[in-house]
Amino acid sequence: MTDAYALLTGFLRDRFAVPAAELTEDTTFTDLGMDSLDLGEMAVLVRKAHGLALEDVRAGSTLREAADRLDAARRAAAPAAGPGPVA
């Protein structure tokens, strides 16, 4: 389980009252009874809490797919490692 997966499932449990037993990597948001408005709310929560964009996630996306997209957003937001200081 990635940090992004733990973040998403934490929001689903805490903010959307989804029982932990219903959360697997292959669960879709549709399986959880969520629609586009719920996904929009989750995207806002993720952005406010972590400054990351949860993009290209649809109701039919699995939690694994959503976590992968969130991981990609985190990598894209990370500063690129450049050459060290010149002495």
Protein backbone atom coordinates (compact mmCIF):
# COMPACT_ATOMS: atom_id res chain seq x y z
CA MET A 1 0.00 0.00 0.00
CA THR A 2 1.35 3.41 -0.98
CA ASP A 3 1.11 6.63 0.99
CA ALA A 4 -1.35 7.91 -1.63
CA TYR A 5 -3.56 4.85 -1.17
CA ALA A 6 -3.49 5.33 2.61
CA LEU A 7 -4.36 9.02 2.16
CA LEU A 8 -7.34 8.24 -0.08
CA THR A 9 -8.69 5.46 2.10
CA GLY A 10 -8.25 7.69 5.15
CA PHE A 11 -10.39 10.40 3.54
CA LEU A 12 -12.98 7.81 2.52
CA ARG A 13 -13.21 6.43 6.07
CA ASP A 14 -13.04 9.73 7.93
CA ARG A 15 -14.89 12.17 5.64
CA PHE A 16 -17.24 9.89 3.73
CA ALA A 17 -17.91 7.27 6.46
CA VAL A 18 -16.94 4.33 4.25
CA PRO A 19 -16.28 1.20 6.32
CA ALA A 20 -12.69 -0.01 6.03
CA ALA A 21 -13.94 -3.48 5.03
CA GLU A 22 -15.28 -1.99 1.77
CA LEU A 23 -11.94 -0.51 0.76
CA THR A 24 -9.71 -2.59 -1.47
CA GLU A 25 -7.38 -1.59 -4.29
CA ASP A 26 -9.91 -2.89 -6.81
CA THR A 27 -12.91 -1.07 -5.32
CA THR A 28 -14.27 1.65 -7.60
CA PHE A 29 -15.80 4.87 -6.42
CA THR A 30 -19.05 3.68 -8.02
CA ASP A 31 -18.87 0.58 -5.81
CA LEU A 32 -18.84 2.96 -2.84
CA GLY A 33 -21.89 4.84 -4.10
CA MET A 34 -19.87 7.93 -4.98
CA ASP A 35 -20.62 10.22 -7.90
CA SER A 36 -18.81 13.09 -9.61
CA LEU A 37 -19.82 15.55 -6.88
CA ASP A 38 -18.30 13.30 -4.22
CA LEU A 39 -15.12 12.98 -6.30
CA GLY A 40 -14.98 16.75 -6.64
CA GLU A 41 -15.26 17.11 -2.89
CA MET A 42 -12.49 14.55 -2.40
CA ALA A 43 -10.28 16.43 -4.89
CA VAL A 44 -10.79 19.65 -2.92
CA LEU A 45 -9.95 17.88 0.36
CA VAL A 46 -6.75 16.39 -1.11
CA ARG A 47 -5.70 19.76 -2.55
CA LYS A 48 -6.36 21.62 0.73
CA ALA A 49 -4.64 19.01 2.90
CA HIS A 50 -1.68 18.17 0.67
CA GLY A 51 -1.53 20.70 -2.18
CA LEU A 52 -1.92 17.95 -4.77
CA ALA A 53 -4.30 17.70 -7.70
CA LEU A 54 -6.39 14.56 -7.93
CA GLU A 55 -7.03 14.60 -11.68
CA ASP A 56 -8.44 12.18 -14.23
CA VAL A 57 -10.24 10.15 -11.59
CA ARG A 58 -13.75 9.06 -12.51
CA ALA A 59 -16.46 7.21 -10.63
CA GLY A 60 -15.39 4.01 -12.41
CA SER A 61 -11.75 4.41 -11.36
CA THR A 62 -10.39 1.96 -8.82
CA LEU A 63 -8.75 3.12 -5.63
CA ARG A 64 -5.46 1.77 -7.02
CA GLU A 65 -5.84 3.92 -10.16
CA ALA A 66 -6.66 6.99 -8.08
CA ALA A 67 -3.65 6.37 -5.82
CA ASP A 68 -1.40 5.95 -8.88
CA ARG A 69 -2.61 9.31 -10.23
CA LEU A 70 -2.05 10.94 -6.86
CA ASP A 71 1.47 9.47 -6.71
CA ALA A 72 2.11 10.89 -10.20
CA ALA A 73 0.88 14.32 -9.04
CA ARG A 74 3.20 14.11 -6.04
CA ARG A 75 6.18 13.25 -8.25
CA ALA A 76 5.33 16.09 -10.64
CA ALA A 77 5.11 18.55 -7.75
CA ALA A 78 8.44 17.50 -6.26
CA PRO A 79 11.35 19.81 -7.04
CA ALA A 80 13.67 18.39 -9.67
CA ALA A 81 17.09 17.42 -8.41
CA GLY A 82 19.55 19.58 -10.24
CA PRO A 83 23.29 19.92 -10.05
CA GLY A 84 24.69 20.88 -6.70
CA PRO A 85 26.13 24.30 -5.90
CA VAL A 86 29.18 25.36 -7.82
CA ALA A 87 32.17 25.99 -5.60
